[in-house]
């Protein structure tokens, strides 16, 4: 394998991993935000079931 081919492969792999990381971090952020909304809604409703779904 030539050095340039190997370098290209490594750079493409790095870019793919970076994109995956950004996607997963965004997803985790959305899950946390949704959980916080649900938790706040429960407290506001006095522990009763929220109308949020």
PDB file of N, CA and C in Angstrom:
ATOM      1  N   UNK A   1       0.854  -1.184   0.000  1.00  0.00           N
ATOM      2  CA  UNK A   1       0.000   0.000   0.000  1.00  0.00           C
ATOM      3  C   UNK A   1       0.892   1.236   0.000  1.00  0.00           C
ATOM      4  N   UNK A   2       0.597   2.140  -0.875  1.00  0.00           N
ATOM      5  CA  UNK A   2       1.387   3.360  -0.939  1.00  0.00           C
ATOM      6  C   UNK A   2       1.028   4.267   0.232  1.00  0.00           C
ATOM      7  N   UNK A   3       1.985   5.099   0.570  1.00  0.00           N
ATOM      8  CA  UNK A   3       1.799   6.012   1.697  1.00  0.00           C
ATOM      9  C   UNK A   3       0.623   6.949   1.447  1.00  0.00           C
ATOM     10  N   UNK A   4       0.494   7.455   0.233  1.00  0.00           N
ATOM     11  CA  UNK A   4      -0.600   8.394  -0.059  1.00  0.00           C
ATOM     12  C   UNK A   4      -1.965   7.711   0.061  1.00  0.00           C
ATOM     13  N   UNK A   5      -2.039   6.446  -0.357  1.00  0.00           N
ATOM     14  CA  UNK A   5      -3.285   5.690  -0.240  1.00  0.00           C
ATOM     15  C   UNK A   5      -3.630   5.459   1.221  1.00  0.00           C
ATOM     16  N   UNK A   6      -2.622   5.118   1.997  1.00  0.00           N
ATOM     17  CA  UNK A   6      -2.833   4.881   3.422  1.00  0.00           C
ATOM     18  C   UNK A   6      -3.270   6.166   4.123  1.00  0.00           C
ATOM     19  N   UNK A   7      -2.616   7.268   3.792  1.00  0.00           N
ATOM     20  CA  UNK A   7      -2.968   8.555   4.391  1.00  0.00           C
ATOM     21  C   UNK A   7      -4.403   8.946   4.030  1.00  0.00           C
ATOM     22  N   UNK A   8      -4.775   8.749   2.786  1.00  0.00           N
ATOM     23  CA  UNK A   8      -6.143   9.049   2.349  1.00  0.00           C
ATOM     24  C   UNK A   8      -7.151   8.221   3.140  1.00  0.00           C
ATOM     25  N   UNK A   9      -6.862   6.949   3.294  1.00  0.00           N
ATOM     26  CA  UNK A   9      -7.746   6.063   4.061  1.00  0.00           C
ATOM     27  C   UNK A   9      -7.878   6.539   5.511  1.00  0.00           C
ATOM     28  N   UNK A  10      -6.763   6.877   6.127  1.00  0.00           N
ATOM     29  CA  UNK A  10      -6.788   7.327   7.519  1.00  0.00           C
ATOM     30  C   UNK A  10      -7.550   8.643   7.675  1.00  0.00           C
ATOM     31  N   UNK A  11      -7.377   9.552   6.745  1.00  0.00           N
ATOM     32  CA  UNK A  11      -8.096  10.829   6.808  1.00  0.00           C
ATOM     33  C   UNK A  11      -9.599  10.631   6.615  1.00  0.00           C
ATOM     34  N   UNK A  12      -9.975   9.747   5.708  1.00  0.00           N
ATOM     35  CA  UNK A  12     -11.395   9.459   5.496  1.00  0.00           C
ATOM     36  C   UNK A  12     -12.004   8.800   6.732  1.00  0.00           C
ATOM     37  N   UNK A  13     -11.246   7.901   7.346  1.00  0.00           N
ATOM     38  CA  UNK A  13     -11.716   7.247   8.567  1.00  0.00           C
ATOM     39  C   UNK A  13     -11.889   8.262   9.685  1.00  0.00           C
ATOM     40  N   UNK A  14     -10.930   9.177   9.813  1.00  0.00           N
ATOM     41  CA  UNK A  14     -11.015  10.219  10.841  1.00  0.00           C
ATOM     42  C   UNK A  14     -12.250  11.089  10.629  1.00  0.00           C
ATOM     43  N   UNK A  15     -12.499  11.474   9.391  1.00  0.00           N
ATOM     44  CA  UNK A  15     -13.665  12.305   9.083  1.00  0.00           C
ATOM     45  C   UNK A  15     -14.969  11.576   9.404  1.00  0.00           C
ATOM     46  N   UNK A  16     -15.025  10.298   9.071  1.00  0.00           N
ATOM     47  CA  UNK A  16     -16.230   9.514   9.353  1.00  0.00           C
ATOM     48  C   UNK A  16     -16.460   9.405  10.856  1.00  0.00           C
ATOM     49  N   UNK A  17     -15.392   9.177  11.615  1.00  0.00           N
ATOM     50  CA  UNK A  17     -15.523   9.081  13.070  1.00  0.00           C
ATOM     51  C   UNK A  17     -15.954  10.415  13.677  1.00  0.00           C
ATOM     52  N   UNK A  18     -15.453  11.505  13.128  1.00  0.00           N
ATOM     53  CA  UNK A  18     -15.842  12.831  13.616  1.00  0.00           C
ATOM     54  C   UNK A  18     -17.325  13.075  13.362  1.00  0.00           C
ATOM     55  N   UNK A  19     -17.796  12.719  12.182  1.00  0.00           N
ATOM     56  CA  UNK A  19     -19.217  12.888  11.862  1.00  0.00           C
ATOM     57  C   UNK A  19     -20.082  12.029  12.773  1.00  0.00           C
ATOM     58  N   UNK A  20     -19.665  10.788  13.012  1.00  0.00           N
ATOM     59  CA  UNK A  20     -20.403   9.909  13.919  1.00  0.00           C
ATOM     60  C   UNK A  20     -20.475  10.511  15.313  1.00  0.00           C
ATOM     61  N   UNK A  21     -19.354  11.028  15.781  1.00  0.00           N
ATOM     62  CA  UNK A  21     -19.296  11.627  17.111  1.00  0.00           C
ATOM     63  C   UNK A  21     -20.247  12.810  17.219  1.00  0.00           C
ATOM     64  N   UNK A  22     -20.248  13.663  16.202  1.00  0.00           N
ATOM     65  CA  UNK A  22     -21.140  14.825  16.212  1.00  0.00           C
ATOM     66  C   UNK A  22     -22.600  14.390  16.211  1.00  0.00           C
ATOM     67  N   UNK A  23     -22.919  13.365  15.423  1.00  0.00           N
ATOM     68  CA  UNK A  23     -24.291  12.858  15.359  1.00  0.00           C
ATOM     69  C   UNK A  23     -24.721  12.293  16.704  1.00  0.00           C
ATOM     70  N   UNK A  24     -23.876  11.466  17.322  1.00  0.00           N
ATOM     71  CA  UNK A  24     -24.218  10.865  18.606  1.00  0.00           C
ATOM     72  C   UNK A  24     -24.341  11.921  19.694  1.00  0.00           C
ATOM     73  N   UNK A  25     -23.453  12.900  19.696  1.00  0.00           N
ATOM     74  CA  UNK A  25     -23.524  13.962  20.702  1.00  0.00           C
ATOM     75  C   UNK A  25     -24.807  14.770  20.558  1.00  0.00           C
ATOM     76  N   UNK A  26     -25.215  15.034  19.324  1.00  0.00           N
ATOM     77  CA  UNK A  26     -26.471  15.757  19.092  1.00  0.00           C
ATOM     78  C   UNK A  26     -27.656  14.929  19.589  1.00  0.00           C
ATOM     79  N   UNK A  27     -27.649  13.641  19.293  1.00  0.00           N
ATOM     80  CA  UNK A  27     -28.726  12.758  19.729  1.00  0.00           C
ATOM     81  C   UNK A  27     -28.812  12.707  21.249  1.00  0.00           C
ATOM     82  N   UNK A  28     -27.678  12.577  21.904  1.00  0.00           N
ATOM     83  CA  UNK A  28     -27.654  12.546  23.366  1.00  0.00           C
ATOM     84  C   UNK A  28     -28.181  13.859  23.931  1.00  0.00           C
ATOM     85  N   UNK A  29     -27.791  14.972  23.339  1.00  0.00           N
ATOM     86  CA  UNK A  29     -28.283  16.274  23.782  1.00  0.00           C
ATOM     87  C   UNK A  29     -29.793  16.374  23.663  1.00  0.00           C
ATOM     88  N   UNK A  30     -30.343  15.869  22.557  1.00  0.00           N
ATOM     89  CA  UNK A  30     -31.791  15.894  22.365  1.00  0.00           C
ATOM     90  C   UNK A  30     -32.492  15.005  23.381  1.00  0.00           C
ATOM     91  N   UNK A  31     -31.927  13.847  23.675  1.00  0.00           N
ATOM     92  CA  UNK A  31     -32.520  12.951  24.671  1.00  0.00           C
ATOM     93  C   UNK A  31     -32.518  13.583  26.059  1.00  0.00           C
ATOM     94  N   UNK A  32     -31.424  14.226  26.414  1.00  0.00           N
ATOM     95  CA  UNK A  32     -31.327  14.888  27.718  1.00  0.00           C
ATOM     96  C   UNK A  32     -32.332  16.032  27.803  1.00  0.00           C
ATOM     97  N   UNK A  33     -32.431  16.828  26.748  1.00  0.00           N
ATOM     98  CA  UNK A  33     -33.376  17.952  26.742  1.00  0.00           C
ATOM     99  C   UNK A  33     -34.807  17.447  26.884  1.00  0.00           C
ATOM    100  N   UNK A  34     -35.146  16.371  26.194  1.00  0.00           N
ATOM    101  CA  UNK A  34     -36.494  15.809  26.288  1.00  0.00           C
ATOM    102  C   UNK A  34     -36.764  15.280  27.693  1.00  0.00           C
ATOM    103  N   UNK A  35     -35.784  14.618  28.276  1.00  0.00           N
ATOM    104  CA  UNK A  35     -35.950  14.105  29.638  1.00  0.00           C
ATOM    105  C   UNK A  35     -36.145  15.253  30.625  1.00  0.00           C
ATOM    106  N   UNK A  36     -35.419  16.343  30.434  1.00  0.00           N
ATOM    107  CA  UNK A  36     -35.579  17.503  31.314  1.00  0.00           C
ATOM    108  C   UNK A  36     -36.970  18.109  31.166  1.00  0.00           C
ATOM    109  N   UNK A  37     -37.472  18.190  29.945  1.00  0.00           N
ATOM    110  CA  UNK A  37     -38.826  18.718  29.722  1.00  0.00           C
ATOM    111  C   UNK A  37     -39.857  17.851  30.434  1.00  0.00           C
ATOM    112  N   UNK A  38     -39.713  16.547  30.299  1.00  0.00           N
ATOM    113  CA  UNK A  38     -40.669  15.632  30.928  1.00  0.00           C
ATOM    114  C   UNK A  38     -40.585  15.726  32.450  1.00  0.00           C
ATOM    115  N   UNK A  39     -39.387  15.838  32.967  1.00  0.00           N
ATOM    116  CA  UNK A  39     -39.206  15.950  34.412  1.00  0.00           C
ATOM    117  C   UNK A  39     -39.833  17.240  34.930  1.00  0.00           C
ATOM    118  N   UNK A  40     -39.628  18.330  34.219  1.00  0.00           N
ATOM    119  CA  UNK A  40     -40.205  19.615  34.604  1.00  0.00           C
ATOM    120  C   UNK A  40     -41.727  19.558  34.523  1.00  0.00           C
ATOM    121  N   UNK A  41     -42.263  18.932  33.494  1.00  0.00           N
ATOM    122  CA  UNK A  41     -43.713  18.828  33.328  1.00  0.00           C
ATOM    123  C   UNK A  41     -44.326  18.034  34.480  1.00  0.00           C
ATOM    124  N   UNK A  42     -43.642  16.996  34.934  1.00  0.00           N
ATOM    125  CA  UNK A  42     -44.157  16.206  36.059  1.00  0.00           C
ATOM    126  C   UNK A  42     -44.185  17.034  37.328  1.00  0.00           C
ATOM    127  N   UNK A  43     -43.131  17.817  37.554  1.00  0.00           N
ATOM    128  CA  UNK A  43     -43.087  18.650  38.755  1.00  0.00           C
ATOM    129  C   UNK A  43     -44.170  19.716  38.723  1.00  0.00           C
ATOM    130  N   UNK A  44     -44.381  20.320  37.567  1.00  0.00           N
ATOM    131  CA  UNK A  44     -45.396  21.367  37.426  1.00  0.00           C
ATOM    132  C   UNK A  44     -46.789  20.779  37.635  1.00  0.00           C
ATOM    133  N   UNK A  45     -46.993  19.564  37.159  1.00  0.00           N
ATOM    134  CA  UNK A  45     -48.297  18.914  37.282  1.00  0.00           C
ATOM    135  C   UNK A  45     -48.486  18.302  38.665  1.00  0.00           C
ATOM    136  N   UNK A  46     -47.549  18.492  39.552  1.00  0.00           N
ATOM    137  CA  UNK A  46     -47.675  17.945  40.903  1.00  0.00           C
ATOM    138  C   UNK A  46     -47.552  16.444  40.953  1.00  0.00           C
ATOM    139  N   UNK A  47     -46.779  15.902  40.071  1.00  0.00           N
ATOM    140  CA  UNK A  47     -46.560  14.463  40.068  1.00  0.00           C
ATOM    141  C   UNK A  47     -47.617  13.707  39.290  1.00  0.00           C
ATOM    142  N   UNK A  48     -48.650  14.417  38.810  1.00  0.00           N
ATOM    143  CA  UNK A  48     -49.678  13.764  38.009  1.00  0.00           C
ATOM    144  C   UNK A  48     -49.124  13.497  36.622  1.00  0.00           C
ATOM    145  N   UNK A  49     -49.791  12.655  35.905  1.00  0.00           N
ATOM    146  CA  UNK A  49     -49.378  12.347  34.545  1.00  0.00           C
ATOM    147  C   UNK A  49     -49.456  13.583  33.676  1.00  0.00           C
ATOM    148  N   UNK A  50     -48.424  13.825  32.946  1.00  0.00           N
ATOM    149  CA  UNK A  50     -48.361  14.989  32.065  1.00  0.00           C
ATOM    150  C   UNK A  50     -49.140  14.722  30.787  1.00  0.00           C
ATOM    151  N   UNK A  51     -49.621  15.786  30.168  1.00  0.00           N
ATOM    152  CA  UNK A  51     -50.294  15.639  28.878  1.00  0.00           C
ATOM    153  C   UNK A  51     -49.292  15.583  27.740  1.00  0.00           C
ATOM    154  N   UNK A  52     -48.011  15.814  28.051  1.00  0.00           N
ATOM    155  CA  UNK A  52     -46.972  15.717  27.026  1.00  0.00           C
ATOM    156  C   UNK A  52     -46.744  14.265  26.676  1.00  0.00           C
ATOM    157  N   UNK A  53     -46.481  13.993  25.418  1.00  0.00           N
ATOM    158  CA  UNK A  53     -46.188  12.615  25.045  1.00  0.00           C
ATOM    159  C   UNK A  53     -44.821  12.510  24.454  1.00  0.00           C
TER     160      UNK A  53
END
